[in-house]
N, C-alpha and C. Protein backbone atom coordinates (compact mmCIF):
# COMPACT_ATOMS: atom_id res chain seq x y z
N MET A 1 152.62 137.53 52.30
CA MET A 1 152.16 138.82 52.76
C MET A 1 151.48 138.22 54.09
N ILE A 2 151.37 139.05 55.29
CA ILE A 2 150.85 138.63 56.43
C ILE A 2 149.47 138.72 55.83
N GLY A 3 148.91 137.69 56.74
CA GLY A 3 147.20 137.70 56.43
C GLY A 3 146.60 136.88 57.47
N LEU A 4 145.12 137.53 57.58
CA LEU A 4 144.71 136.70 58.89
C LEU A 4 144.43 135.76 58.21
N TYR A 5 143.82 135.26 57.04
CA TYR A 5 143.71 133.65 56.27
C TYR A 5 144.90 133.22 56.04
N ASN A 6 146.25 133.20 57.05
CA ASN A 6 147.34 132.70 56.44
C ASN A 6 147.11 130.81 57.11
N LEU A 7 148.45 130.34 57.16
CA LEU A 7 148.30 129.29 58.32
C LEU A 7 148.74 129.22 59.32
N TRP A 8 149.36 130.22 59.77
CA TRP A 8 149.45 130.18 61.48
C TRP A 8 147.89 129.83 61.81
N LEU A 9 146.49 130.35 61.57
CA LEU A 9 145.26 130.00 61.57
C LEU A 9 145.76 128.80 62.11
N ILE A 10 145.65 128.26 61.77
CA ILE A 10 145.74 126.47 61.32
C ILE A 10 146.94 125.31 63.08
N PHE A 11 147.93 126.86 62.70
CA PHE A 11 149.26 126.12 63.69
C PHE A 11 148.83 126.60 65.10
N VAL A 12 147.85 127.74 65.08
CA VAL A 12 147.76 128.17 66.49
C VAL A 12 146.43 127.28 67.55
N GLY A 13 145.44 126.87 66.46
CA GLY A 13 144.70 125.92 66.48
C GLY A 13 145.22 124.75 66.93
N ILE A 14 146.25 123.91 66.34
CA ILE A 14 147.41 123.00 66.72
C ILE A 14 147.35 122.75 67.87
N GLY A 15 148.05 124.49 68.38
CA GLY A 15 148.98 124.68 69.84
C GLY A 15 147.39 123.89 71.09
N ILE A 16 146.59 125.15 70.61
CA ILE A 16 145.55 124.94 71.70
C ILE A 16 145.07 123.29 71.58
N PHE A 17 144.76 122.97 70.53
CA PHE A 17 144.14 121.50 70.60
C PHE A 17 145.38 120.79 72.00
N ALA A 18 146.46 120.77 71.63
CA ALA A 18 147.94 120.09 72.27
C ALA A 18 147.30 120.45 73.60
N GLY A 19 147.15 122.01 73.89
CA GLY A 19 147.24 122.39 75.34
C GLY A 19 146.24 122.12 75.90
N ILE A 20 144.70 121.96 75.42
CA ILE A 20 143.89 121.59 75.79
C ILE A 20 143.80 119.74 76.03
N VAL A 21 144.12 119.32 74.94
CA VAL A 21 144.62 117.35 75.28
C VAL A 21 145.27 117.20 76.48
N MET A 22 146.69 117.81 76.61
CA MET A 22 147.48 117.61 77.64
C MET A 22 147.54 118.36 79.15
N THR A 23 146.40 119.23 79.08
CA THR A 23 145.56 119.79 80.23
C THR A 23 144.98 118.68 80.69
N ILE A 24 144.25 118.25 80.15
CA ILE A 24 143.25 116.94 80.33
C ILE A 24 143.76 115.98 80.80
N GLY A 25 145.11 115.06 80.17
CA GLY A 25 145.62 114.21 80.50
C GLY A 25 146.64 114.11 81.90
N ASP A 26 146.62 115.13 82.08
CA ASP A 26 147.24 115.74 83.56
C ASP A 26 146.37 115.50 84.67
N LYS A 27 144.91 116.10 84.79
CA LYS A 27 144.29 115.41 85.35
C LYS A 27 143.88 114.58 85.25
N LEU A 28 143.57 113.72 85.02
CA LEU A 28 143.27 112.28 84.08
C LEU A 28 144.38 111.33 85.21
N ARG A 29 145.34 112.26 84.68
CA ARG A 29 146.49 111.70 85.38
C ARG A 29 147.15 111.19 86.72
N GLY A 30 146.87 113.02 87.15
CA GLY A 30 146.72 113.63 88.83
C GLY A 30 147.97 113.41 88.81
N VAL A 31 149.24 113.84 87.92
CA VAL A 31 150.30 114.05 87.54
C VAL A 31 151.44 114.55 86.31
N LYS A 32 151.70 115.34 85.95
CA LYS A 32 152.18 116.02 85.12
C LYS A 32 152.84 115.48 83.82
N ILE A 33 152.33 115.39 82.73
CA ILE A 33 152.78 114.40 81.94
C ILE A 33 154.51 114.84 81.48
N GLU A 34 154.11 115.96 80.87
CA GLU A 34 155.62 116.42 81.22
C GLU A 34 156.41 116.33 81.87
N ASN A 35 158.04 115.76 82.02
CA ASN A 35 158.54 116.26 82.80
C ASN A 35 159.66 117.08 82.49
N LYS A 36 159.30 117.59 84.25
CA LYS A 36 160.43 119.18 84.00
C LYS A 36 162.15 119.21 83.82
N GLU A 37 162.16 117.69 83.86
CA GLU A 37 163.99 116.96 83.23
C GLU A 37 163.59 117.47 81.91
N ASP A 38 162.78 117.61 80.66
CA ASP A 38 162.96 117.54 79.88
C ASP A 38 163.70 119.19 79.43
N HIS A 39 162.91 120.04 79.95
CA HIS A 39 163.08 121.17 79.80
C HIS A 39 164.46 121.83 80.20
N ALA A 40 164.97 120.94 81.44
CA ALA A 40 166.90 121.29 82.13
C ALA A 40 167.85 121.64 81.38
N ASN A 41 167.98 121.32 80.55
CA ASN A 41 169.10 122.10 79.44
C ASN A 41 168.39 122.99 78.62
N ALA A 42 169.00 123.88 78.83
CA ALA A 42 168.48 125.13 78.55
C ALA A 42 168.84 125.46 77.04
N LYS A 43 169.69 125.18 76.62
CA LYS A 43 170.93 124.45 75.28
C LYS A 43 169.59 124.18 74.47
N VAL A 44 169.30 122.73 74.97
CA VAL A 44 168.42 121.99 73.97
C VAL A 44 167.44 122.52 73.74
N THR A 45 166.55 123.15 75.17
CA THR A 45 165.18 124.10 74.78
C THR A 45 165.40 124.81 73.98
N ILE A 46 166.38 125.65 74.18
CA ILE A 46 166.74 127.17 73.08
C ILE A 46 166.71 126.28 71.46
N VAL A 47 167.41 125.74 71.35
CA VAL A 47 167.70 125.03 70.08
C VAL A 47 166.58 124.37 69.66
N SER A 48 165.57 123.74 70.43
CA SER A 48 164.31 122.87 69.88
C SER A 48 163.10 123.89 69.94
N MET A 49 163.54 125.31 70.40
CA MET A 49 162.58 126.30 70.19
C MET A 49 162.92 127.22 68.50
N PHE A 50 164.16 127.27 68.14
CA PHE A 50 164.35 128.17 66.48
C PHE A 50 163.20 127.39 65.58
N PRO A 51 163.83 125.96 65.15
CA PRO A 51 162.47 125.27 64.17
C PRO A 51 161.19 125.93 64.30
N LEU A 52 160.75 125.78 65.59
CA LEU A 52 158.93 125.92 65.86
C LEU A 52 158.93 127.62 65.75
N LEU A 53 159.81 128.28 66.34
CA LEU A 53 159.57 129.71 65.42
C LEU A 53 159.77 130.01 64.25
N ALA A 54 161.00 129.57 63.65
CA ALA A 54 160.98 129.43 62.28
C ALA A 54 159.46 129.11 60.92
N PHE A 55 159.06 127.76 62.35
CA PHE A 55 157.76 127.19 61.74
C PHE A 55 156.64 128.36 61.48
N LEU A 56 156.34 129.43 62.74
CA LEU A 56 155.36 130.06 62.80
C LEU A 56 155.64 131.17 61.95
N GLY A 57 157.64 131.15 61.63
CA GLY A 57 157.28 132.74 60.94
C GLY A 57 156.77 132.66 59.69
N VAL A 58 156.96 131.17 58.77
CA VAL A 58 156.97 131.11 57.67
C VAL A 58 155.44 130.76 57.79
N THR A 59 154.48 130.48 58.66
CA THR A 59 152.87 130.33 58.33
C THR A 59 152.07 131.55 58.06
N ILE A 60 153.28 132.82 59.02
CA ILE A 60 152.36 134.09 59.23
C ILE A 60 152.59 134.69 57.78
N PHE A 61 153.03 134.07 57.21
CA PHE A 61 153.92 134.67 55.44
C PHE A 61 153.01 133.62 54.43
N THR A 62 152.20 132.73 54.83
CA THR A 62 151.61 131.71 53.62
C THR A 62 150.17 131.55 53.68
N PRO A 63 150.06 132.11 52.90
CA PRO A 63 148.02 132.37 53.08
C PRO A 63 147.73 130.69 52.65
N ILE A 64 146.11 130.42 53.27
CA ILE A 64 145.80 129.06 52.87
C ILE A 64 145.15 129.35 51.44
N VAL A 65 145.93 128.50 50.66
CA VAL A 65 144.98 127.79 49.69
C VAL A 65 144.58 126.47 49.04
N THR A 66 143.12 126.48 49.07
CA THR A 66 142.86 124.99 49.41
C THR A 66 143.36 124.33 48.03
N GLY A 67 143.19 123.10 47.81
CA GLY A 67 143.72 122.18 46.62
C GLY A 67 143.96 120.66 47.20
N THR A 68 144.63 119.98 46.24
CA THR A 68 144.90 118.38 46.74
C THR A 68 146.16 118.93 47.93
N LEU A 69 147.45 119.25 47.63
CA LEU A 69 148.22 119.12 48.16
C LEU A 69 147.73 119.17 50.32
N PHE A 70 146.46 120.71 50.36
CA PHE A 70 146.62 121.52 51.33
C PHE A 70 145.49 120.39 51.80
N TRP A 71 144.66 119.34 50.96
CA TRP A 71 143.99 118.45 51.84
C TRP A 71 144.59 117.41 52.56
N VAL A 72 145.19 116.98 51.47
CA VAL A 72 146.22 115.82 52.36
C VAL A 72 146.98 117.06 53.50
N GLY A 73 147.51 117.73 53.63
CA GLY A 73 148.33 117.84 54.97
C GLY A 73 146.75 118.30 56.03
N CYS A 74 145.81 118.24 55.32
CA CYS A 74 145.27 118.05 56.31
C CYS A 74 144.92 116.87 57.01
N VAL A 75 144.54 116.42 56.21
CA VAL A 75 144.60 114.35 56.62
C VAL A 75 145.88 114.33 57.74
N LEU A 76 146.66 114.56 57.13
CA LEU A 76 147.98 114.42 57.91
C LEU A 76 148.37 114.71 59.13
N ILE A 77 147.61 116.21 59.46
CA ILE A 77 147.14 116.50 60.58
C ILE A 77 146.09 115.95 61.76
N VAL A 78 144.54 115.40 60.99
CA VAL A 78 144.38 114.40 61.25
C VAL A 78 144.50 113.65 62.15
N LEU A 79 145.11 112.71 61.60
CA LEU A 79 146.12 111.74 62.02
C LEU A 79 147.13 112.08 62.96
N THR A 80 147.97 113.06 62.82
CA THR A 80 148.45 113.70 64.73
C THR A 80 147.28 113.67 65.87
N GLY A 81 146.62 114.42 65.09
CA GLY A 81 145.57 114.62 66.57
C GLY A 81 145.61 112.80 66.76
N ILE A 82 144.83 112.36 65.93
CA ILE A 82 144.64 111.24 66.51
C ILE A 82 145.96 110.26 67.49
N ILE A 83 146.97 109.79 66.55
CA ILE A 83 147.98 109.70 67.40
C ILE A 83 148.65 110.60 68.78
N TYR A 84 148.17 111.64 68.36
CA TYR A 84 148.81 112.77 69.95
C TYR A 84 147.77 112.48 71.56
N ILE A 85 146.65 111.94 70.78
CA ILE A 85 145.62 111.59 71.79
C ILE A 85 145.77 110.17 72.19
N LEU A 86 146.15 109.70 71.50
CA LEU A 86 146.83 107.58 71.72
C LEU A 86 147.94 108.21 72.80
N SER A 87 148.73 109.00 72.38
CA SER A 87 149.86 109.02 73.68
C SER A 87 149.79 109.32 74.67
N ILE A 88 148.70 109.90 75.08
CA ILE A 88 147.74 111.20 76.21
C ILE A 88 146.91 109.76 76.86
N MET A 89 146.54 109.29 76.21
CA MET A 89 145.79 108.09 76.34
C MET A 89 146.69 107.47 77.65
N ALA A 90 147.82 106.84 76.82
CA ALA A 90 148.66 105.64 76.97
C ALA A 90 149.63 106.21 78.43
N PHE A 91 150.21 107.81 78.41
CA PHE A 91 150.18 108.22 79.78
C PHE A 91 149.43 108.09 80.94
N VAL A 92 148.23 108.10 80.47
CA VAL A 92 146.97 108.66 81.84
C VAL A 92 147.04 106.83 82.05
N LYS A 93 146.77 106.30 81.29
CA LYS A 93 146.78 104.57 81.98
C LYS A 93 147.73 103.94 82.57
N ALA A 94 148.69 104.51 82.05
CA ALA A 94 150.35 104.36 82.99
C ALA A 94 150.38 104.82 84.05
N LYS A 95 149.53 105.77 84.59
CA LYS A 95 150.09 106.81 85.50
C LYS A 95 151.04 107.56 86.35
N LYS A 96 151.97 106.43 86.34
CA LYS A 96 153.16 107.09 86.69
C LYS A 96 154.65 106.00 85.52
N GLY A 97 155.48 106.48 85.77
CA GLY A 97 156.86 105.39 85.45
C GLY A 97 157.51 105.42 84.37
N LEU A 98 157.64 104.93 83.59
CA LEU A 98 157.86 105.03 82.35
C LEU A 98 156.80 104.33 81.23
N THR A 99 156.40 104.59 80.35
CA THR A 99 155.08 104.67 79.27
C THR A 99 156.10 103.62 78.10
N THR A 100 155.08 102.16 78.58
CA THR A 100 155.73 101.63 77.86
C THR A 100 153.73 100.97 76.64
N ILE A 101 153.23 101.18 77.33
CA ILE A 101 151.72 100.36 76.66
C ILE A 101 151.11 101.22 75.55
N GLY A 102 150.24 100.73 75.33
CA GLY A 102 149.51 101.56 74.14
C GLY A 102 150.29 101.79 73.25
N ILE A 103 150.21 102.97 72.52
CA ILE A 103 151.02 103.56 71.03
C ILE A 103 152.57 103.34 71.35
N TYR A 104 152.98 103.37 72.56
CA TYR A 104 154.15 103.22 73.20
C TYR A 104 154.95 101.89 72.90
N LYS A 105 154.31 101.05 72.65
CA LYS A 105 154.57 99.47 72.44
C LYS A 105 155.12 99.89 70.75
N ILE A 106 154.36 100.79 70.09
CA ILE A 106 154.69 100.49 68.46
C ILE A 106 156.37 101.72 68.32
N SER A 107 155.69 102.69 69.31
CA SER A 107 157.11 103.34 69.27
C SER A 107 157.66 104.67 70.25
N ARG A 108 158.80 104.51 70.75
CA ARG A 108 159.13 105.08 71.99
C ARG A 108 158.93 106.73 71.84
N ASN A 109 158.09 107.29 70.88
CA ASN A 109 158.28 107.97 70.92
C ASN A 109 157.03 109.12 69.65
N PRO A 110 156.11 108.15 70.23
CA PRO A 110 155.05 108.67 69.08
C PRO A 110 154.54 110.21 69.20
N MET A 111 155.20 111.11 70.45
CA MET A 111 154.30 112.21 69.98
C MET A 111 154.97 113.23 69.17
N TYR A 112 157.07 112.39 68.96
CA TYR A 112 157.58 113.33 68.20
C TYR A 112 156.68 112.83 66.40
N ILE A 113 156.68 111.41 66.90
CA ILE A 113 156.84 111.45 65.03
C ILE A 113 155.26 112.56 64.58
N ALA A 114 154.21 112.38 65.42
CA ALA A 114 153.06 113.62 65.46
C ALA A 114 153.33 114.76 64.75
N MET A 115 154.94 115.18 66.09
CA MET A 115 155.00 116.66 65.53
C MET A 115 155.53 116.39 63.89
N PHE A 116 155.97 115.41 63.72
CA PHE A 116 156.79 115.36 62.10
C PHE A 116 155.62 115.02 61.27
N LEU A 117 154.91 114.80 61.68
CA LEU A 117 153.70 115.18 60.55
C LEU A 117 152.69 115.97 60.56
N ILE A 118 153.13 116.96 61.89
CA ILE A 118 152.41 118.53 61.00
C ILE A 118 153.44 118.97 60.32
N PHE A 119 154.60 118.70 60.14
CA PHE A 119 155.47 119.26 59.72
C PHE A 119 155.27 118.90 58.08
N ILE A 120 155.51 117.67 58.13
CA ILE A 120 154.86 116.71 56.58
C ILE A 120 153.59 117.71 55.82
N GLY A 121 152.54 118.15 57.07
CA GLY A 121 151.54 118.26 56.42
C GLY A 121 151.56 119.91 56.00
N PHE A 122 151.93 120.25 56.52
CA PHE A 122 152.14 122.57 56.49
C PHE A 122 153.04 121.97 55.39
N ILE A 123 154.40 121.58 55.43
CA ILE A 123 154.76 121.26 53.53
C ILE A 123 154.36 120.94 52.57
N LEU A 124 152.97 120.28 52.38
CA LEU A 124 152.01 120.29 51.44
C LEU A 124 151.35 121.55 51.48
N MET A 125 150.94 122.24 52.71
CA MET A 125 149.85 123.22 52.06
C MET A 125 150.88 124.16 52.12
N ALA A 126 151.83 124.55 52.71
CA ALA A 126 152.54 125.53 51.66
C ALA A 126 153.42 125.74 50.20
N TRP A 127 153.20 124.45 50.05
CA TRP A 127 154.03 124.19 48.53
C TRP A 127 152.22 124.51 47.94
N GLN A 128 151.19 123.92 48.17
CA GLN A 128 149.55 124.54 47.45
C GLN A 128 149.83 125.88 47.06
N PHE A 129 150.15 127.30 48.09
CA PHE A 129 150.91 128.10 47.53
C PHE A 129 152.04 128.28 46.84
N SER A 130 153.37 127.78 47.32
CA SER A 130 153.86 127.89 46.36
C SER A 130 155.39 127.25 46.22
N LEU A 131 156.02 127.21 45.95
CA LEU A 131 157.22 126.06 45.36
C LEU A 131 158.32 126.50 46.38
N GLU A 132 158.38 127.90 46.49
CA GLU A 132 159.26 128.54 47.47
C GLU A 132 158.77 128.61 48.82
N MET A 133 157.50 128.28 48.78
CA MET A 133 157.15 128.89 50.76
C MET A 133 157.51 126.80 51.17
N GLY A 134 157.18 125.93 50.15
CA GLY A 134 157.25 124.91 50.42
C GLY A 134 158.72 123.95 50.61
N ILE A 135 159.50 124.64 49.76
CA ILE A 135 161.02 124.33 50.41
C ILE A 135 161.51 124.99 51.28
N LEU A 136 160.71 126.50 51.14
CA LEU A 136 161.14 127.09 53.01
C LEU A 136 160.15 126.05 54.59
N MET A 137 159.31 125.38 53.90
CA MET A 137 159.19 124.40 55.26
C MET A 137 159.69 123.60 54.78
N ILE A 138 160.38 122.89 53.75
CA ILE A 138 161.48 121.63 54.21
C ILE A 138 162.82 121.92 54.89
N ILE A 139 163.48 123.11 54.75
CA ILE A 139 164.49 123.64 55.08
C ILE A 139 163.87 123.41 56.70
N VAL A 140 163.09 124.39 57.54
CA VAL A 140 162.51 124.60 58.91
C VAL A 140 162.60 122.72 59.37
N THR A 141 161.54 122.06 58.52
CA THR A 141 161.29 120.89 58.98
C THR A 141 162.56 119.88 59.47
N ILE A 142 163.60 120.32 58.06
CA ILE A 142 164.93 119.52 58.59
C ILE A 142 165.31 120.01 59.93
N LEU A 143 165.41 121.22 59.84
CA LEU A 143 165.86 121.94 61.01
C LEU A 143 165.35 121.22 62.55
N ASN A 144 163.96 121.13 62.54
CA ASN A 144 163.16 120.66 63.46
C ASN A 144 163.33 119.58 63.78
N ILE A 145 163.63 118.50 62.62
CA ILE A 145 163.67 116.71 63.09
C ILE A 145 164.85 116.73 63.64
N THR A 146 166.54 117.88 63.32
CA THR A 146 167.62 117.55 63.95
C THR A 146 167.78 117.67 65.19
N ALA A 147 166.59 118.85 65.78
CA ALA A 147 166.87 119.71 67.27
C ALA A 147 165.88 118.13 67.69
N THR A 148 164.98 118.25 67.35
CA THR A 148 164.07 117.13 68.14
C THR A 148 164.91 116.08 68.22
N HIS A 149 165.36 115.10 67.54
CA HIS A 149 166.71 114.33 67.88
C HIS A 149 167.35 114.19 68.73
N TRP A 150 168.11 115.48 68.69
CA TRP A 150 169.28 115.74 69.56
C TRP A 150 168.50 115.50 70.58
N MET A 151 166.93 116.16 71.07
CA MET A 151 166.24 116.33 72.26
C MET A 151 165.87 114.72 72.84
N VAL A 152 166.11 114.04 71.41
CA VAL A 152 164.98 112.46 71.84
C VAL A 152 166.69 111.91 72.56
N LEU A 153 167.44 111.90 71.90
CA LEU A 153 168.84 111.57 72.51
C LEU A 153 169.18 111.45 74.25
N GLY A 154 169.16 112.95 73.99
CA GLY A 154 168.82 113.60 75.86
C GLY A 154 167.98 113.03 76.69
N GLU A 155 167.02 112.80 76.29
CA GLU A 155 165.79 112.01 77.28
C GLU A 155 166.05 110.40 77.21
N GLU A 156 166.79 110.00 76.01
CA GLU A 156 166.96 108.56 76.32
C GLU A 156 168.08 108.16 77.21
N SER A 157 169.15 109.30 77.47
CA SER A 157 169.97 109.27 78.38
C SER A 157 169.55 109.23 79.56
N PHE A 158 168.54 109.99 80.13
CA PHE A 158 168.24 110.33 81.40
C PHE A 158 167.02 109.20 82.03
N LEU A 159 166.27 108.52 80.95
CA LEU A 159 165.37 107.32 81.43
C LEU A 159 166.59 106.68 81.35
N GLU A 160 167.46 106.01 80.84
CA GLU A 160 168.50 105.26 81.01
C GLU A 160 168.82 105.32 82.60
N ASN A 161 169.45 106.41 82.57
CA ASN A 161 169.44 106.59 84.34
C ASN A 161 168.33 106.56 86.06
N LYS A 162 167.41 107.05 85.06
CA LYS A 162 166.42 106.42 85.93
C LYS A 162 165.64 105.56 86.11
N TYR A 163 165.92 105.02 84.50
CA TYR A 163 165.07 103.50 85.16
C TYR A 163 165.51 102.21 84.18
N LYS A 164 167.00 102.59 84.39
CA LYS A 164 168.21 101.57 83.99
C LYS A 164 167.52 100.34 82.81
N LYS A 165 167.52 99.14 83.56
CA LYS A 165 167.83 97.94 82.93
C LYS A 165 166.05 98.20 82.75
N GLN A 166 165.07 98.73 83.31
CA GLN A 166 163.67 98.81 82.41
C GLN A 166 163.61 99.44 80.82
N TYR A 167 164.39 100.25 81.28
CA TYR A 167 164.54 101.48 80.06
C TYR A 167 165.21 100.60 78.75
N ILE A 168 166.56 99.81 79.44
CA ILE A 168 167.25 98.81 77.97
C ILE A 168 166.14 98.23 77.58
N GLY A 169 165.79 97.60 78.32
CA GLY A 169 165.06 96.67 77.29
C GLY A 169 163.90 96.83 76.73
N TYR A 170 163.13 98.19 76.98
CA TYR A 170 162.64 99.01 76.17
C TYR A 170 162.65 99.21 75.11
N LYS A 171 164.02 99.93 75.35
CA LYS A 171 164.97 100.51 74.24
C LYS A 171 165.07 99.76 73.24
N GLN A 172 165.46 98.31 73.53
CA GLN A 172 165.98 96.94 72.80
C GLN A 172 164.72 96.50 71.80
N SER A 173 164.03 96.50 72.46
CA SER A 173 162.25 95.88 71.79
C SER A 173 161.40 96.96 71.11
N VAL A 174 161.45 98.09 71.41
CA VAL A 174 160.54 99.23 70.29
C VAL A 174 161.36 99.95 69.81
N HIS A 175 161.79 99.99 68.62
CA HIS A 175 161.98 101.70 67.48
C HIS A 175 161.77 102.66 69.06
N ARG A 176 162.82 103.83 68.42
CA ARG A 176 163.40 105.07 68.48
C ARG A 176 161.33 105.84 67.74
N TYR A 177 161.57 105.62 66.83
CA TYR A 177 160.35 106.59 66.29
C TYR A 177 159.55 105.43 65.41
N LEU A 178 159.76 105.07 64.28
CA LEU A 178 159.22 103.45 63.80
C LEU A 178 159.50 102.45 63.54
N LEU A 179 160.29 102.73 61.87
CA LEU A 179 160.87 101.17 61.88
C LEU A 179 162.13 101.39 61.66
N PHE A 180 162.80 102.67 62.18
CA PHE A 180 163.61 102.64 62.73
C PHE A 180 164.74 103.30 63.43
């Protein structure tokens, strides 16, 4: 049932937090962190938005039920916030060009790792409410990971064309996500 005290409140809170951190990062950097090229391909943008809208849909119908799984999900979301802030800080310190410092020495895509952790946190929170909502959230998460990976492949191609040998060297020394 649709309710005010459902997981969408947490989802919207995360979105507001991410927007504020990105805005602060843009101001400190003096240049937008997000590349306009990231959304140049309409197909990729549309396909990547579908899982996020499905995710929002599931959260609208999933009540917040506290318990062990819910609190573990909250811990993952807090960890996500830390990773996101570290990502923005690396962009700010790099000023412009290819960002290869800070958390970007561990992963070429820490912001996407953060997003994956959010989804895992919400799987646990939805599972706390019901098995069915947990499974639905797993399906949405798989869709999101697939769409995001497709986006990442396009971004890598763009970065390789733009930064040539610098990006190829970076790609060879730092994993796409973490250990794989």
